[in-house]
Amino acid sequence: MMKRLTLTILAMLIVMVSAMWMLEKNFMEIDFQTRIIISAGASALSGLISYFLFREDKK
């Protein structure tokens, strides 16, 4: 379970950073608070998807 959670959090952080970078680079007219909300939503969605897609190791 710990490995699954670690991979999920790592995927969420990567998505959050890349979303903020892309929004800042390409959409400067969007204010900072809205960019944070968009990035947080993308991060939460990717975390949810990756949590269910990463399988547990069955021993």
C-alpha atoms as a PDB file:
ATOM      1  CA  MET A   1       0.000   0.000   0.000  1.00  0.00           C
ATOM      2  CA  MET A   2       2.830   2.391   0.790  1.00  0.00           C
ATOM      3  CA  LYS A   3       4.399   2.009  -2.655  1.00  0.00           C
ATOM      4  CA  ARG A   4       1.025   2.627  -4.310  1.00  0.00           C
ATOM      5  CA  LEU A   5       0.483   5.782  -2.278  1.00  0.00           C
ATOM      6  CA  THR A   6       4.019   7.010  -2.954  1.00  0.00           C
ATOM      7  CA  LEU A   7       3.586   6.603  -6.710  1.00  0.00           C
ATOM      8  CA  THR A   8       0.215   8.350  -6.567  1.00  0.00           C
ATOM      9  CA  ILE A   9       1.616  11.354  -4.699  1.00  0.00           C
ATOM     10  CA  LEU A  10       4.580  11.527  -7.073  1.00  0.00           C
ATOM     11  CA  ALA A  11       2.250  11.531 -10.081  1.00  0.00           C
ATOM     12  CA  MET A  12       0.142  14.276  -8.474  1.00  0.00           C
ATOM     13  CA  LEU A  13       3.204  16.454  -7.862  1.00  0.00           C
ATOM     14  CA  ILE A  14       4.469  16.009 -11.415  1.00  0.00           C
ATOM     15  CA  VAL A  15       1.063  16.936 -12.840  1.00  0.00           C
ATOM     16  CA  MET A  16       0.746  19.948 -10.510  1.00  0.00           C
ATOM     17  CA  VAL A  17       4.166  21.355 -11.440  1.00  0.00           C
ATOM     18  CA  SER A  18       3.750  20.753 -15.167  1.00  0.00           C
ATOM     19  CA  ALA A  19       0.234  22.247 -15.184  1.00  0.00           C
ATOM     20  CA  MET A  20       1.441  25.375 -13.390  1.00  0.00           C
ATOM     21  CA  TRP A  21       4.363  25.694 -15.790  1.00  0.00           C
ATOM     22  CA  MET A  22       2.173  25.266 -18.884  1.00  0.00           C
ATOM     23  CA  LEU A  23      -0.461  27.698 -17.631  1.00  0.00           C
ATOM     24  CA  GLU A  24       2.162  30.283 -16.720  1.00  0.00           C
ATOM     25  CA  LYS A  25       3.948  29.916 -20.044  1.00  0.00           C
ATOM     26  CA  ASN A  26       0.954  29.892 -22.390  1.00  0.00           C
ATOM     27  CA  PHE A  27      -1.902  31.602 -20.521  1.00  0.00           C
ATOM     28  CA  MET A  28      -0.525  34.612 -18.658  1.00  0.00           C
ATOM     29  CA  GLU A  29      -3.885  36.405 -18.879  1.00  0.00           C
ATOM     30  CA  ILE A  30      -5.387  33.942 -16.364  1.00  0.00           C
ATOM     31  CA  ASP A  31      -4.870  35.239 -12.829  1.00  0.00           C
ATOM     32  CA  PHE A  32      -2.739  33.297 -10.362  1.00  0.00           C
ATOM     33  CA  GLN A  33      -5.574  32.036  -8.140  1.00  0.00           C
ATOM     34  CA  THR A  34      -7.411  30.536 -11.092  1.00  0.00           C
ATOM     35  CA  ARG A  35      -4.214  28.835 -12.290  1.00  0.00           C
ATOM     36  CA  ILE A  36      -3.797  27.310  -8.807  1.00  0.00           C
ATOM     37  CA  ILE A  37      -7.371  25.969  -8.875  1.00  0.00           C
ATOM     38  CA  ILE A  38      -6.937  24.495 -12.363  1.00  0.00           C
ATOM     39  CA  SER A  39      -3.646  22.861 -11.401  1.00  0.00           C
ATOM     40  CA  ALA A  40      -5.060  21.484  -8.154  1.00  0.00           C
ATOM     41  CA  GLY A  41      -8.006  19.982 -10.020  1.00  0.00           C
ATOM     42  CA  ALA A  42      -5.733  18.364 -12.571  1.00  0.00           C
ATOM     43  CA  SER A  43      -3.545  17.027  -9.780  1.00  0.00           C
ATOM     44  CA  ALA A  44      -6.496  15.577  -7.863  1.00  0.00           C
ATOM     45  CA  LEU A  45      -7.904  13.923 -10.974  1.00  0.00           C
ATOM     46  CA  SER A  46      -4.550  12.399 -11.904  1.00  0.00           C
ATOM     47  CA  GLY A  47      -4.095  11.197  -8.326  1.00  0.00           C
ATOM     48  CA  LEU A  48      -7.474   9.496  -8.357  1.00  0.00           C
ATOM     49  CA  ILE A  49      -6.801   7.820 -11.686  1.00  0.00           C
ATOM     50  CA  SER A  50      -3.291   6.714 -10.772  1.00  0.00           C
ATOM     51  CA  TYR A  51      -4.423   5.350  -7.384  1.00  0.00           C
ATOM     52  CA  PHE A  52      -6.790   2.936  -9.092  1.00  0.00           C
ATOM     53  CA  LEU A  53      -4.448   2.086 -11.969  1.00  0.00           C
ATOM     54  CA  PHE A  54      -1.361   1.253  -9.874  1.00  0.00           C
ATOM     55  CA  ARG A  55      -1.899  -2.290  -8.665  1.00  0.00           C
ATOM     56  CA  GLU A  56      -0.904  -3.795  -5.348  1.00  0.00           C
ATOM     57  CA  ASP A  57       1.774  -6.466  -5.353  1.00  0.00           C
ATOM     58  CA  LYS A  58       0.084  -9.702  -4.345  1.00  0.00           C
ATOM     59  CA  LYS A  59       2.357 -12.083  -2.484  1.00  0.00           C
END
